[in-house]
């Protein structure tokens, strides 16, 4: 009887000590972290939690990694349960963050989000160059031609120009470039489909692809959002009358690398599939990445009798719109006079 009581006492003491120990482990897990400023850690693919805990310890974010591991294994009714897995990526750990809160971050994969912006009016070549320059992206498409890239995205045979929505895309570090482009392509498909569905019923545009092409021209013709619907109205008026669009940005796109910053007479007369001075109708493909506003403008254009426009040349980026060729020619002369007066004297 005496031995049984002694053994019971020992067990009670051990149990009490265990409870005290677990209590201290719990307090440590819930206490504010020791770091006085935020830090970043990178979790490599396949890292165990023990490895992550040691990283945190090395950076002064977790003072007792093995004790914290013991708490996870034996505390909170977790006896016998395997530890969760850490997700790869870069993490921002705020100053004083509790160990359990850090654990939630790396288990749930709440990584730092990088970003990539496609600018309205960019060409596909500009998109590819900017994306290839991002060090935080996993580059899988760099050696591919445009046609091979589109096939890799699941859109074999589709010309890439205009097909990627201008926007800012957020992603985890080392996301493959194809995933980023896939997001942008899907976003442009959704935007085009939605805008086409709500188009003006009397639109002369026969398909969403035609709308995308005209929107890319409008995007390149003006930087003023307020002008897009009117410029779209001008181009649609010309299409209805069978007039050539005579858009300088299409000429520039057609000559590509031969463009030297000035459109010469030879450029306007030199025939390419994109020269809307020599060819009627729309060019065969978009010439840039149009944003939502440009798409909306071509499918909800301003009602106007204007058939021409030319830059005002006053630094605002605005244009003068004309309903007749005579009025347009006067506006062109005013623009050229203003240009000559502002040219630096040599």
C-alpha atoms as a PDB file:
ATOM      1  CA  UNK A   1       0.000   0.000   0.000  1.00  0.00           C
ATOM      2  CA  UNK A   2       2.819   2.347   0.919  1.00  0.00           C
ATOM      3  CA  UNK A   3       4.628   1.590  -2.403  1.00  0.00           C
ATOM      4  CA  UNK A   4       1.456   2.256  -4.338  1.00  0.00           C
ATOM      5  CA  UNK A   5       1.027   5.620  -2.646  1.00  0.00           C
ATOM      6  CA  UNK A   6       4.644   6.521  -3.349  1.00  0.00           C
ATOM      7  CA  UNK A   7       4.235   5.549  -6.992  1.00  0.00           C
ATOM      8  CA  UNK A   8       1.018   7.540  -7.223  1.00  0.00           C
ATOM      9  CA  UNK A   9       2.782  10.533  -5.722  1.00  0.00           C
ATOM     10  CA  UNK A  10       5.590  10.264  -8.233  1.00  0.00           C
ATOM     11  CA  UNK A  11       3.122  10.025 -11.100  1.00  0.00           C
ATOM     12  CA  UNK A  12       1.252  13.058  -9.797  1.00  0.00           C
ATOM     13  CA  UNK A  13       4.485  15.017  -9.552  1.00  0.00           C
ATOM     14  CA  UNK A  14       5.469  13.985 -13.074  1.00  0.00           C
ATOM     15  CA  UNK A  15       2.038  14.919 -14.347  1.00  0.00           C
ATOM     16  CA  UNK A  16       2.203  18.276 -12.633  1.00  0.00           C
ATOM     17  CA  UNK A  17       5.671  18.881 -14.038  1.00  0.00           C
ATOM     18  CA  UNK A  18       4.440  17.935 -17.495  1.00  0.00           C
ATOM     19  CA  UNK A  19       1.528  20.311 -17.194  1.00  0.00           C
ATOM     20  CA  UNK A  20       3.831  23.088 -16.041  1.00  0.00           C
ATOM     21  CA  UNK A  21       6.202  22.294 -18.908  1.00  0.00           C
ATOM     22  CA  UNK A  22       3.449  22.288 -21.474  1.00  0.00           C
ATOM     23  CA  UNK A  23       2.101  25.492 -19.997  1.00  0.00           C
ATOM     24  CA  UNK A  24       5.471  27.141 -20.432  1.00  0.00           C
ATOM     25  CA  UNK A  25       5.749  25.806 -23.978  1.00  0.00           C
ATOM     26  CA  UNK A  26       2.275  27.131 -24.719  1.00  0.00           C
ATOM     27  CA  UNK A  27       3.143  30.519 -23.264  1.00  0.00           C
ATOM     28  CA  UNK A  28       6.270  30.645 -25.427  1.00  0.00           C
ATOM     29  CA  UNK A  29       4.262  29.706 -28.522  1.00  0.00           C
ATOM     30  CA  UNK A  30       1.702  32.425 -27.877  1.00  0.00           C
ATOM     31  CA  UNK A  31       4.112  35.122 -26.681  1.00  0.00           C
ATOM     32  CA  UNK A  32       5.243  37.905 -28.986  1.00  0.00           C
ATOM     33  CA  UNK A  33       8.306  37.033 -31.051  1.00  0.00           C
ATOM     34  CA  UNK A  34      11.700  38.523 -30.154  1.00  0.00           C
ATOM     35  CA  UNK A  35      12.393  40.292 -33.487  1.00  0.00           C
ATOM     36  CA  UNK A  36      12.292  44.100 -33.291  1.00  0.00           C
ATOM     37  CA  UNK A  37      11.804  44.611 -37.038  1.00  0.00           C
ATOM     38  CA  UNK A  38      10.138  42.741 -39.873  1.00  0.00           C
ATOM     39  CA  UNK A  39      12.195  40.178 -41.761  1.00  0.00           C
ATOM     40  CA  UNK A  40      11.877  37.979 -44.831  1.00  0.00           C
ATOM     41  CA  UNK A  41      12.534  34.283 -45.049  1.00  0.00           C
ATOM     42  CA  UNK A  42      12.587  31.984 -48.059  1.00  0.00           C
ATOM     43  CA  UNK A  43      11.230  28.468 -47.675  1.00  0.00           C
ATOM     44  CA  UNK A  44      12.802  26.147 -50.231  1.00  0.00           C
ATOM     45  CA  UNK A  45      10.680  23.485 -51.941  1.00  0.00           C
ATOM     46  CA  UNK A  46      10.404  20.353 -49.800  1.00  0.00           C
ATOM     47  CA  UNK A  47      11.588  22.030 -46.588  1.00  0.00           C
ATOM     48  CA  UNK A  48      10.487  20.365 -43.361  1.00  0.00           C
ATOM     49  CA  UNK A  49       9.084  22.404 -40.498  1.00  0.00           C
ATOM     50  CA  UNK A  50      12.192  21.574 -38.487  1.00  0.00           C
ATOM     51  CA  UNK A  51      14.320  23.200 -41.200  1.00  0.00           C
ATOM     52  CA  UNK A  52      12.029  26.228 -41.269  1.00  0.00           C
ATOM     53  CA  UNK A  53      12.181  26.521 -37.464  1.00  0.00           C
ATOM     54  CA  UNK A  54      15.967  26.506 -37.619  1.00  0.00           C
ATOM     55  CA  UNK A  55      15.884  29.247 -40.260  1.00  0.00           C
ATOM     56  CA  UNK A  56      13.652  31.310 -38.012  1.00  0.00           C
ATOM     57  CA  UNK A  57      16.024  30.718 -35.110  1.00  0.00           C
ATOM     58  CA  UNK A  58      19.037  31.771 -37.194  1.00  0.00           C
ATOM     59  CA  UNK A  59      17.281  35.052 -38.023  1.00  0.00           C
ATOM     60  CA  UNK A  60      16.263  35.726 -34.417  1.00  0.00           C
ATOM     61  CA  UNK A  61      12.575  35.086 -35.018  1.00  0.00           C
ATOM     62  CA  UNK A  62      12.177  31.893 -32.969  1.00  0.00           C
ATOM     63  CA  UNK A  63      14.381  31.554 -29.854  1.00  0.00           C
ATOM     64  CA  UNK A  64      13.714  27.878 -28.995  1.00  0.00           C
ATOM     65  CA  UNK A  65      12.917  25.907 -32.161  1.00  0.00           C
ATOM     66  CA  UNK A  66      13.100  22.437 -30.576  1.00  0.00           C
ATOM     67  CA  UNK A  67      10.864  23.439 -27.660  1.00  0.00           C
ATOM     68  CA  UNK A  68       8.350  24.887 -30.111  1.00  0.00           C
ATOM     69  CA  UNK A  69       8.432  21.635 -32.051  1.00  0.00           C
ATOM     70  CA  UNK A  70       7.767  19.719 -28.828  1.00  0.00           C
ATOM     71  CA  UNK A  71       4.795  21.927 -28.107  1.00  0.00           C
ATOM     72  CA  UNK A  72       3.372  21.203 -31.557  1.00  0.00           C
ATOM     73  CA  UNK A  73       3.878  17.472 -31.094  1.00  0.00           C
ATOM     74  CA  UNK A  74       2.497  17.173 -27.579  1.00  0.00           C
ATOM     75  CA  UNK A  75       0.431  20.262 -26.881  1.00  0.00           C
ATOM     76  CA  UNK A  76      -3.101  21.196 -27.969  1.00  0.00           C
ATOM     77  CA  UNK A  77      -4.150  17.529 -28.102  1.00  0.00           C
ATOM     78  CA  UNK A  78      -1.778  16.912 -31.009  1.00  0.00           C
ATOM     79  CA  UNK A  79      -0.105  13.819 -29.538  1.00  0.00           C
ATOM     80  CA  UNK A  80       0.663  11.340 -32.282  1.00  0.00           C
ATOM     81  CA  UNK A  81      -0.368  13.689 -35.112  1.00  0.00           C
ATOM     82  CA  UNK A  82       2.185  14.479 -37.861  1.00  0.00           C
ATOM     83  CA  UNK A  83       3.401  18.054 -38.194  1.00  0.00           C
ATOM     84  CA  UNK A  84       1.906  20.015 -41.089  1.00  0.00           C
ATOM     85  CA  UNK A  85       3.991  20.798 -44.173  1.00  0.00           C
ATOM     86  CA  UNK A  86       5.549  24.155 -44.980  1.00  0.00           C
ATOM     87  CA  UNK A  87       4.798  25.699 -48.383  1.00  0.00           C
ATOM     88  CA  UNK A  88       7.627  27.076 -50.485  1.00  0.00           C
ATOM     89  CA  UNK A  89       8.006  30.792 -51.129  1.00  0.00           C
ATOM     90  CA  UNK A  90       9.129  34.081 -49.615  1.00  0.00           C
ATOM     91  CA  UNK A  91       7.463  35.265 -46.422  1.00  0.00           C
ATOM     92  CA  UNK A  92       7.346  38.615 -44.671  1.00  0.00           C
ATOM     93  CA  UNK A  93       7.478  38.113 -40.898  1.00  0.00           C
ATOM     94  CA  UNK A  94       6.350  41.227 -38.986  1.00  0.00           C
ATOM     95  CA  UNK A  95       8.225  42.290 -35.866  1.00  0.00           C
ATOM     96  CA  UNK A  96       6.999  40.540 -32.721  1.00  0.00           C
ATOM     97  CA  UNK A  97       4.870  37.993 -34.574  1.00  0.00           C
ATOM     98  CA  UNK A  98       3.969  35.016 -32.372  1.00  0.00           C
ATOM     99  CA  UNK A  99       5.526  31.653 -33.278  1.00  0.00           C
ATOM    100  CA  UNK A 100       2.099  30.103 -33.851  1.00  0.00           C
ATOM    101  CA  UNK A 101       1.197  32.950 -36.200  1.00  0.00           C
ATOM    102  CA  UNK A 102       4.447  32.402 -38.121  1.00  0.00           C
ATOM    103  CA  UNK A 103       3.549  28.720 -38.355  1.00  0.00           C
ATOM    104  CA  UNK A 104       0.146  29.594 -39.821  1.00  0.00           C
ATOM    105  CA  UNK A 105       1.819  31.733 -42.488  1.00  0.00           C
ATOM    106  CA  UNK A 106       4.191  29.055 -43.754  1.00  0.00           C
ATOM    107  CA  UNK A 107       1.616  26.249 -43.526  1.00  0.00           C
ATOM    108  CA  UNK A 108      -1.109  28.209 -45.314  1.00  0.00           C
ATOM    109  CA  UNK A 109       1.349  29.590 -47.884  1.00  0.00           C
ATOM    110  CA  UNK A 110       0.671  33.279 -47.231  1.00  0.00           C
ATOM    111  CA  UNK A 111       3.715  34.297 -49.251  1.00  0.00           C
ATOM    112  CA  UNK A 112       4.876  37.736 -50.381  1.00  0.00           C
ATOM    113  CA  UNK A 113       3.159  38.532 -53.675  1.00  0.00           C
ATOM    114  CA  UNK A 114       5.288  39.885 -56.493  1.00  0.00           C
ATOM    115  CA  UNK A 115       3.683  41.863 -59.310  1.00  0.00           C
ATOM    116  CA  UNK A 116       3.904  42.374 -63.050  1.00  0.00           C
ATOM    117  CA  UNK A 117       2.136  45.157 -64.941  1.00  0.00           C
ATOM    118  CA  UNK A 118       1.084  45.095 -68.571  1.00  0.00           C
ATOM    119  CA  UNK A 119       0.704  48.708 -69.690  1.00  0.00           C
ATOM    120  CA  UNK A 120      -2.127  49.792 -71.973  1.00  0.00           C
ATOM    121  CA  UNK A 121      -0.827  50.127 -75.510  1.00  0.00           C
ATOM    122  CA  UNK A 122       2.164  47.825 -75.059  1.00  0.00           C
ATOM    123  CA  UNK A 123       2.989  45.478 -77.905  1.00  0.00           C
ATOM    124  CA  UNK A 124       3.430  41.778 -77.250  1.00  0.00           C
ATOM    125  CA  UNK A 125       7.165  42.219 -77.791  1.00  0.00           C
ATOM    126  CA  UNK A 126       7.219  44.755 -74.941  1.00  0.00           C
ATOM    127  CA  UNK A 127       5.268  42.374 -72.716  1.00  0.00           C
ATOM    128  CA  UNK A 128       7.752  39.584 -73.363  1.00  0.00           C
ATOM    129  CA  UNK A 129      10.762  41.836 -72.760  1.00  0.00           C
ATOM    130  CA  UNK A 130       9.393  43.152 -69.451  1.00  0.00           C
ATOM    131  CA  UNK A 131       8.425  39.689 -68.221  1.00  0.00           C
ATOM    132  CA  UNK A 132      11.808  38.204 -69.172  1.00  0.00           C
ATOM    133  CA  UNK A 133      13.530  40.919 -67.102  1.00  0.00           C
ATOM    134  CA  UNK A 134      11.762  39.899 -63.866  1.00  0.00           C
ATOM    135  CA  UNK A 135      14.174  37.899 -61.655  1.00  0.00           C
ATOM    136  CA  UNK A 136      11.356  36.653 -59.398  1.00  0.00           C
ATOM    137  CA  UNK A 137       9.718  34.679 -62.220  1.00  0.00           C
ATOM    138  CA  UNK A 138      10.523  31.150 -63.335  1.00  0.00           C
ATOM    139  CA  UNK A 139      11.377  31.626 -67.000  1.00  0.00           C
ATOM    140  CA  UNK A 140      10.140  28.780 -69.185  1.00  0.00           C
ATOM    141  CA  UNK A 141       9.083  30.625 -72.349  1.00  0.00           C
ATOM    142  CA  UNK A 142      12.139  32.742 -73.167  1.00  0.00           C
ATOM    143  CA  UNK A 143      13.556  30.542 -75.976  1.00  0.00           C
ATOM    144  CA  UNK A 144      10.162  30.063 -77.662  1.00  0.00           C
ATOM    145  CA  UNK A 145       8.897  31.939 -80.703  1.00  0.00           C
ATOM    146  CA  UNK A 146       5.607  33.793 -80.363  1.00  0.00           C
ATOM    147  CA  UNK A 147       3.821  30.949 -82.144  1.00  0.00           C
ATOM    148  CA  UNK A 148       5.402  28.337 -79.881  1.00  0.00           C
ATOM    149  CA  UNK A 149       4.537  30.405 -76.818  1.00  0.00           C
ATOM    150  CA  UNK A 150       0.873  30.621 -77.787  1.00  0.00           C
ATOM    151  CA  UNK A 151       0.820  26.864 -78.377  1.00  0.00           C
ATOM    152  CA  UNK A 152       2.354  26.343 -74.920  1.00  0.00           C
ATOM    153  CA  UNK A 153      -0.484  28.427 -73.451  1.00  0.00           C
ATOM    154  CA  UNK A 154      -3.042  26.245 -75.219  1.00  0.00           C
ATOM    155  CA  UNK A 155      -3.917  28.725 -78.000  1.00  0.00           C
ATOM    156  CA  UNK A 156      -2.096  27.283 -80.971  1.00  0.00           C
ATOM    157  CA  UNK A 157      -2.495  29.339 -84.145  1.00  0.00           C
ATOM    158  CA  UNK A 158      -3.701  32.476 -82.349  1.00  0.00           C
ATOM    159  CA  UNK A 159      -1.726  35.680 -82.994  1.00  0.00           C
ATOM    160  CA  UNK A 160      -0.638  37.046 -79.590  1.00  0.00           C
ATOM    161  CA  UNK A 161      -1.002  40.783 -80.188  1.00  0.00           C
ATOM    162  CA  UNK A 162      -3.851  42.314 -78.209  1.00  0.00           C
ATOM    163  CA  UNK A 163      -4.667  39.065 -76.393  1.00  0.00           C
ATOM    164  CA  UNK A 164      -3.287  39.960 -72.923  1.00  0.00           C
ATOM    165  CA  UNK A 165      -5.186  42.353 -70.708  1.00  0.00           C
ATOM    166  CA  UNK A 166      -3.356  45.441 -69.427  1.00  0.00           C
ATOM    167  CA  UNK A 167      -3.424  45.165 -65.650  1.00  0.00           C
ATOM    168  CA  UNK A 168      -1.225  44.423 -62.633  1.00  0.00           C
ATOM    169  CA  UNK A 169      -0.897  40.724 -61.860  1.00  0.00           C
ATOM    170  CA  UNK A 170       0.214  39.442 -58.440  1.00  0.00           C
ATOM    171  CA  UNK A 171       1.880  36.098 -57.898  1.00  0.00           C
ATOM    172  CA  UNK A 172       4.225  34.168 -55.639  1.00  0.00           C
ATOM    173  CA  UNK A 173       7.952  34.213 -56.264  1.00  0.00           C
ATOM    174  CA  UNK A 174       9.140  31.743 -58.923  1.00  0.00           C
ATOM    175  CA  UNK A 175       5.714  31.415 -60.485  1.00  0.00           C
ATOM    176  CA  UNK A 176       6.273  30.203 -64.075  1.00  0.00           C
ATOM    177  CA  UNK A 177       5.972  32.943 -66.695  1.00  0.00           C
ATOM    178  CA  UNK A 178       3.383  30.879 -68.565  1.00  0.00           C
ATOM    179  CA  UNK A 179       1.035  31.068 -65.559  1.00  0.00           C
ATOM    180  CA  UNK A 180       1.276  34.869 -65.503  1.00  0.00           C
ATOM    181  CA  UNK A 181       0.590  35.139 -69.229  1.00  0.00           C
ATOM    182  CA  UNK A 182      -2.250  32.635 -68.879  1.00  0.00           C
ATOM    183  CA  UNK A 183      -3.861  34.907 -66.259  1.00  0.00           C
ATOM    184  CA  UNK A 184      -3.543  37.921 -68.567  1.00  0.00           C
ATOM    185  CA  UNK A 185      -4.892  36.021 -71.564  1.00  0.00           C
ATOM    186  CA  UNK A 186      -7.900  34.752 -69.629  1.00  0.00           C
ATOM    187  CA  UNK A 187      -8.585  38.256 -68.301  1.00  0.00           C
ATOM    188  CA  UNK A 188      -8.611  39.690 -71.837  1.00  0.00           C
ATOM    189  CA  UNK A 189     -10.922  36.922 -73.057  1.00  0.00           C
ATOM    190  CA  UNK A 190     -13.378  37.673 -70.233  1.00  0.00           C
ATOM    191  CA  UNK A 191     -13.211  41.422 -70.813  1.00  0.00           C
ATOM    192  CA  UNK A 192     -13.734  41.085 -74.564  1.00  0.00           C
ATOM    193  CA  UNK A 193     -16.621  38.632 -74.208  1.00  0.00           C
ATOM    194  CA  UNK A 194     -18.405  40.791 -71.628  1.00  0.00           C
ATOM    195  CA  UNK A 195     -17.981  44.015 -73.612  1.00  0.00           C
ATOM    196  CA  UNK A 196     -19.011  42.362 -76.886  1.00  0.00           C
ATOM    197  CA  UNK A 197     -22.161  40.988 -75.282  1.00  0.00           C
ATOM    198  CA  UNK A 198     -23.226  44.503 -74.242  1.00  0.00           C
ATOM    199  CA  UNK A 199     -22.256  46.238 -77.523  1.00  0.00           C
ATOM    200  CA  UNK A 200     -24.421  48.842 -79.255  1.00  0.00           C
ATOM    201  CA  UNK A 201     -26.873  46.968 -81.506  1.00  0.00           C
ATOM    202  CA  UNK A 202     -25.991  49.021 -84.587  1.00  0.00           C
ATOM    203  CA  UNK A 203     -22.231  48.402 -84.371  1.00  0.00           C
ATOM    204  CA  UNK A 204     -20.721  47.704 -87.810  1.00  0.00           C
ATOM    205  CA  UNK A 205     -18.100  45.437 -86.227  1.00  0.00           C
ATOM    206  CA  UNK A 206     -18.775  41.842 -87.196  1.00  0.00           C
ATOM    207  CA  UNK A 207     -16.909  39.938 -84.483  1.00  0.00           C
ATOM    208  CA  UNK A 208     -15.145  40.269 -81.127  1.00  0.00           C
ATOM    209  CA  UNK A 209     -11.817  39.988 -82.964  1.00  0.00           C
ATOM    210  CA  UNK A 210     -12.665  43.048 -85.051  1.00  0.00           C
ATOM    211  CA  UNK A 211     -13.552  44.925 -81.867  1.00  0.00           C
ATOM    212  CA  UNK A 212     -10.221  43.927 -80.328  1.00  0.00           C
ATOM    213  CA  UNK A 213      -8.329  45.128 -83.398  1.00  0.00           C
ATOM    214  CA  UNK A 214     -10.073  48.501 -83.540  1.00  0.00           C
ATOM    215  CA  UNK A 215      -9.680  48.937 -79.770  1.00  0.00           C
ATOM    216  CA  UNK A 216      -5.918  48.470 -80.128  1.00  0.00           C
ATOM    217  CA  UNK A 217      -5.822  51.262 -82.725  1.00  0.00           C
ATOM    218  CA  UNK A 218      -7.866  53.579 -80.504  1.00  0.00           C
ATOM    219  CA  UNK A 219      -5.537  52.738 -77.610  1.00  0.00           C
ATOM    220  CA  UNK A 220      -2.509  53.851 -79.627  1.00  0.00           C
ATOM    221  CA  UNK A 221      -4.142  56.967 -81.096  1.00  0.00           C
ATOM    222  CA  UNK A 222      -4.743  58.825 -77.838  1.00  0.00           C
ATOM    223  CA  UNK A 223      -3.589  58.892 -74.257  1.00  0.00           C
ATOM    224  CA  UNK A 224      -6.705  60.770 -73.159  1.00  0.00           C
ATOM    225  CA  UNK A 225      -9.446  58.549 -71.819  1.00  0.00           C
ATOM    226  CA  UNK A 226     -12.056  61.212 -72.603  1.00  0.00           C
ATOM    227  CA  UNK A 227     -11.205  61.056 -76.316  1.00  0.00           C
ATOM    228  CA  UNK A 228     -11.420  57.314 -76.842  1.00  0.00           C
ATOM    229  CA  UNK A 229     -15.189  57.140 -77.560  1.00  0.00           C
ATOM    230  CA  UNK A 230     -14.962  60.020 -80.071  1.00  0.00           C
ATOM    231  CA  UNK A 231     -11.941  58.589 -81.878  1.00  0.00           C
ATOM    232  CA  UNK A 232     -13.727  55.236 -81.987  1.00  0.00           C
ATOM    233  CA  UNK A 233     -16.723  57.053 -83.489  1.00  0.00           C
ATOM    234  CA  UNK A 234     -14.531  58.589 -86.189  1.00  0.00           C
ATOM    235  CA  UNK A 235     -13.048  55.238 -87.204  1.00  0.00           C
ATOM    236  CA  UNK A 236     -16.456  53.566 -87.232  1.00  0.00           C
ATOM    237  CA  UNK A 237     -17.831  56.389 -89.408  1.00  0.00           C
ATOM    238  CA  UNK A 238     -15.006  55.815 -91.855  1.00  0.00           C
ATOM    239  CA  UNK A 239     -15.603  52.067 -91.903  1.00  0.00           C
ATOM    240  CA  UNK A 240     -19.301  52.607 -92.633  1.00  0.00           C
ATOM    241  CA  UNK A 241     -18.464  54.908 -95.559  1.00  0.00           C
ATOM    242  CA  UNK A 242     -15.783  52.590 -96.935  1.00  0.00           C
ATOM    243  CA  UNK A 243     -13.041  55.147 -96.205  1.00  0.00           C
ATOM    244  CA  UNK A 244      -9.566  53.989 -95.270  1.00  0.00           C
ATOM    245  CA  UNK A 245      -8.737  54.402 -91.587  1.00  0.00           C
ATOM    246  CA  UNK A 246      -5.411  56.168 -92.294  1.00  0.00           C
ATOM    247  CA  UNK A 247      -4.086  55.503 -88.800  1.00  0.00           C
ATOM    248  CA  UNK A 248      -0.399  56.267 -88.227  1.00  0.00           C
ATOM    249  CA  UNK A 249       0.043  53.660 -85.444  1.00  0.00           C
ATOM    250  CA  UNK A 250      -0.928  50.896 -87.876  1.00  0.00           C
ATOM    251  CA  UNK A 251       1.751  52.094 -90.302  1.00  0.00           C
ATOM    252  CA  UNK A 252       4.344  52.095 -87.513  1.00  0.00           C
ATOM    253  CA  UNK A 253       3.347  48.580 -86.483  1.00  0.00           C
ATOM    254  CA  UNK A 254       3.674  47.398 -90.049  1.00  0.00           C
ATOM    255  CA  UNK A 255       7.244  48.641 -90.481  1.00  0.00           C
ATOM    256  CA  UNK A 256       8.290  47.533 -86.963  1.00  0.00           C
ATOM    257  CA  UNK A 257      12.072  47.800 -86.593  1.00  0.00           C
ATOM    258  CA  UNK A 258      12.398  50.177 -89.556  1.00  0.00           C
ATOM    259  CA  UNK A 259      10.546  52.926 -87.703  1.00  0.00           C
ATOM    260  CA  UNK A 260      13.045  55.653 -86.779  1.00  0.00           C
ATOM    261  CA  UNK A 261      10.734  57.900 -84.789  1.00  0.00           C
ATOM    262  CA  UNK A 262       9.324  59.736 -87.800  1.00  0.00           C
ATOM    263  CA  UNK A 263       6.698  58.592 -90.291  1.00  0.00           C
ATOM    264  CA  UNK A 264       8.071  59.365 -93.749  1.00  0.00           C
ATOM    265  CA  UNK A 265       6.116  59.636 -96.999  1.00  0.00           C
ATOM    266  CA  UNK A 266       7.705  56.366 -98.085  1.00  0.00           C
ATOM    267  CA  UNK A 267       6.235  54.729 -94.974  1.00  0.00           C
ATOM    268  CA  UNK A 268       2.724  55.946 -95.804  1.00  0.00           C
ATOM    269  CA  UNK A 269       3.050  54.728 -99.397  1.00  0.00           C
ATOM    270  CA  UNK A 270       4.857  51.471 -98.658  1.00  0.00           C
ATOM    271  CA  UNK A 271       2.273  48.719 -98.588  1.00  0.00           C
ATOM    272  CA  UNK A 272       2.142  46.293 -95.651  1.00  0.00           C
ATOM    273  CA  UNK A 273      -0.816  44.305 -94.307  1.00  0.00           C
ATOM    274  CA  UNK A 274      -1.045  46.926 -91.536  1.00  0.00           C
ATOM    275  CA  UNK A 275      -0.856  50.094 -93.652  1.00  0.00           C
ATOM    276  CA  UNK A 276      -4.350  51.554 -93.375  1.00  0.00           C
ATOM    277  CA  UNK A 277      -3.346  54.299 -95.841  1.00  0.00           C
ATOM    278  CA  UNK A 278      -2.897  51.740 -98.629  1.00  0.00           C
ATOM    279  CA  UNK A 279      -5.481  49.154 -97.531  1.00  0.00           C
ATOM    280  CA  UNK A 280      -9.152  49.463 -96.698  1.00  0.00           C
ATOM    281  CA  UNK A 281     -10.803  48.095 -93.601  1.00  0.00           C
ATOM    282  CA  UNK A 282      -9.171  46.897 -90.416  1.00  0.00           C
ATOM    283  CA  UNK A 283      -5.648  45.472 -90.267  1.00  0.00           C
ATOM    284  CA  UNK A 284      -5.404  41.673 -89.960  1.00  0.00           C
ATOM    285  CA  UNK A 285      -4.682  41.674 -86.199  1.00  0.00           C
ATOM    286  CA  UNK A 286      -4.548  44.041 -83.234  1.00  0.00           C
ATOM    287  CA  UNK A 287      -1.452  46.237 -83.030  1.00  0.00           C
ATOM    288  CA  UNK A 288      -1.200  46.561 -79.223  1.00  0.00           C
ATOM    289  CA  UNK A 289      -2.778  45.548 -75.925  1.00  0.00           C
ATOM    290  CA  UNK A 290      -6.034  47.503 -75.518  1.00  0.00           C
ATOM    291  CA  UNK A 291      -7.459  48.109 -72.073  1.00  0.00           C
ATOM    292  CA  UNK A 292     -11.074  47.804 -70.954  1.00  0.00           C
ATOM    293  CA  UNK A 293     -11.813  51.475 -71.673  1.00  0.00           C
ATOM    294  CA  UNK A 294     -10.673  51.188 -75.296  1.00  0.00           C
ATOM    295  CA  UNK A 295     -12.761  48.045 -75.763  1.00  0.00           C
ATOM    296  CA  UNK A 296     -15.755  49.813 -74.286  1.00  0.00           C
ATOM    297  CA  UNK A 297     -15.205  52.838 -76.537  1.00  0.00           C
ATOM    298  CA  UNK A 298     -15.307  50.910 -79.821  1.00  0.00           C
ATOM    299  CA  UNK A 299     -18.479  49.071 -78.811  1.00  0.00           C
ATOM    300  CA  UNK A 300     -20.136  52.167 -77.294  1.00  0.00           C
ATOM    301  CA  UNK A 301     -18.715  54.979 -79.476  1.00  0.00           C
ATOM    302  CA  UNK A 302     -19.613  58.618 -79.292  1.00  0.00           C
ATOM    303  CA  UNK A 303     -22.185  59.685 -81.867  1.00  0.00           C
ATOM    304  CA  UNK A 304     -20.309  62.166 -84.032  1.00  0.00           C
ATOM    305  CA  UNK A 305     -20.267  63.410 -87.613  1.00  0.00           C
ATOM    306  CA  UNK A 306     -16.463  63.725 -87.512  1.00  0.00           C
ATOM    307  CA  UNK A 307     -14.450  61.824 -90.102  1.00  0.00           C
ATOM    308  CA  UNK A 308     -10.989  63.224 -89.315  1.00  0.00           C
ATOM    309  CA  UNK A 309      -8.840  64.179 -86.355  1.00  0.00           C
ATOM    310  CA  UNK A 310      -5.386  65.637 -85.871  1.00  0.00           C
ATOM    311  CA  UNK A 311      -3.318  66.494 -82.808  1.00  0.00           C
ATOM    312  CA  UNK A 312      -3.843  69.981 -81.402  1.00  0.00           C
ATOM    313  CA  UNK A 313      -0.147  70.167 -80.532  1.00  0.00           C
ATOM    314  CA  UNK A 314      -0.554  72.205 -77.352  1.00  0.00           C
ATOM    315  CA  UNK A 315       0.982  69.616 -75.032  1.00  0.00           C
ATOM    316  CA  UNK A 316      -2.344  68.279 -73.746  1.00  0.00           C
ATOM    317  CA  UNK A 317      -2.399  65.256 -76.024  1.00  0.00           C
ATOM    318  CA  UNK A 318      -5.783  66.345 -77.352  1.00  0.00           C
ATOM    319  CA  UNK A 319      -7.054  66.262 -80.941  1.00  0.00           C
ATOM    320  CA  UNK A 320      -9.097  68.511 -83.209  1.00  0.00           C
ATOM    321  CA  UNK A 321     -12.011  66.702 -84.874  1.00  0.00           C
ATOM    322  CA  UNK A 322     -13.437  67.641 -88.285  1.00  0.00           C
ATOM    323  CA  UNK A 323     -16.449  66.558 -90.333  1.00  0.00           C
ATOM    324  CA  UNK A 324     -15.034  67.700 -93.688  1.00  0.00           C
ATOM    325  CA  UNK A 325     -11.697  67.388 -95.444  1.00  0.00           C
ATOM    326  CA  UNK A 326     -11.435  71.168 -95.880  1.00  0.00           C
ATOM    327  CA  UNK A 327     -11.869  71.717 -92.146  1.00  0.00           C
ATOM    328  CA  UNK A 328      -9.384  68.930 -91.435  1.00  0.00           C
ATOM    329  CA  UNK A 329      -6.772  70.453 -93.745  1.00  0.00           C
ATOM    330  CA  UNK A 330      -7.065  73.751 -91.878  1.00  0.00           C
ATOM    331  CA  UNK A 331      -6.555  71.934 -88.587  1.00  0.00           C
ATOM    332  CA  UNK A 332      -3.487  70.177 -90.004  1.00  0.00           C
ATOM    333  CA  UNK A 333      -2.006  73.533 -91.086  1.00  0.00           C
ATOM    334  CA  UNK A 334      -2.628  74.965 -87.613  1.00  0.00           C
ATOM    335  CA  UNK A 335      -0.893  71.950 -86.097  1.00  0.00           C
ATOM    336  CA  UNK A 336       2.110  72.283 -88.416  1.00  0.00           C
ATOM    337  CA  UNK A 337       2.377  76.031 -87.733  1.00  0.00           C
ATOM    338  CA  UNK A 338       2.303  75.394 -83.986  1.00  0.00           C
ATOM    339  CA  UNK A 339       4.925  72.663 -84.410  1.00  0.00           C
ATOM    340  CA  UNK A 340       7.242  74.984 -86.345  1.00  0.00           C
ATOM    341  CA  UNK A 341       6.899  77.731 -83.742  1.00  0.00           C
ATOM    342  CA  UNK A 342       7.836  75.369 -80.925  1.00  0.00           C
ATOM    343  CA  UNK A 343      10.783  73.714 -82.658  1.00  0.00           C
ATOM    344  CA  UNK A 344      14.136  74.701 -81.125  1.00  0.00           C
ATOM    345  CA  UNK A 345      16.136  77.172 -83.216  1.00  0.00           C
ATOM    346  CA  UNK A 346      19.521  75.951 -84.455  1.00  0.00           C
END
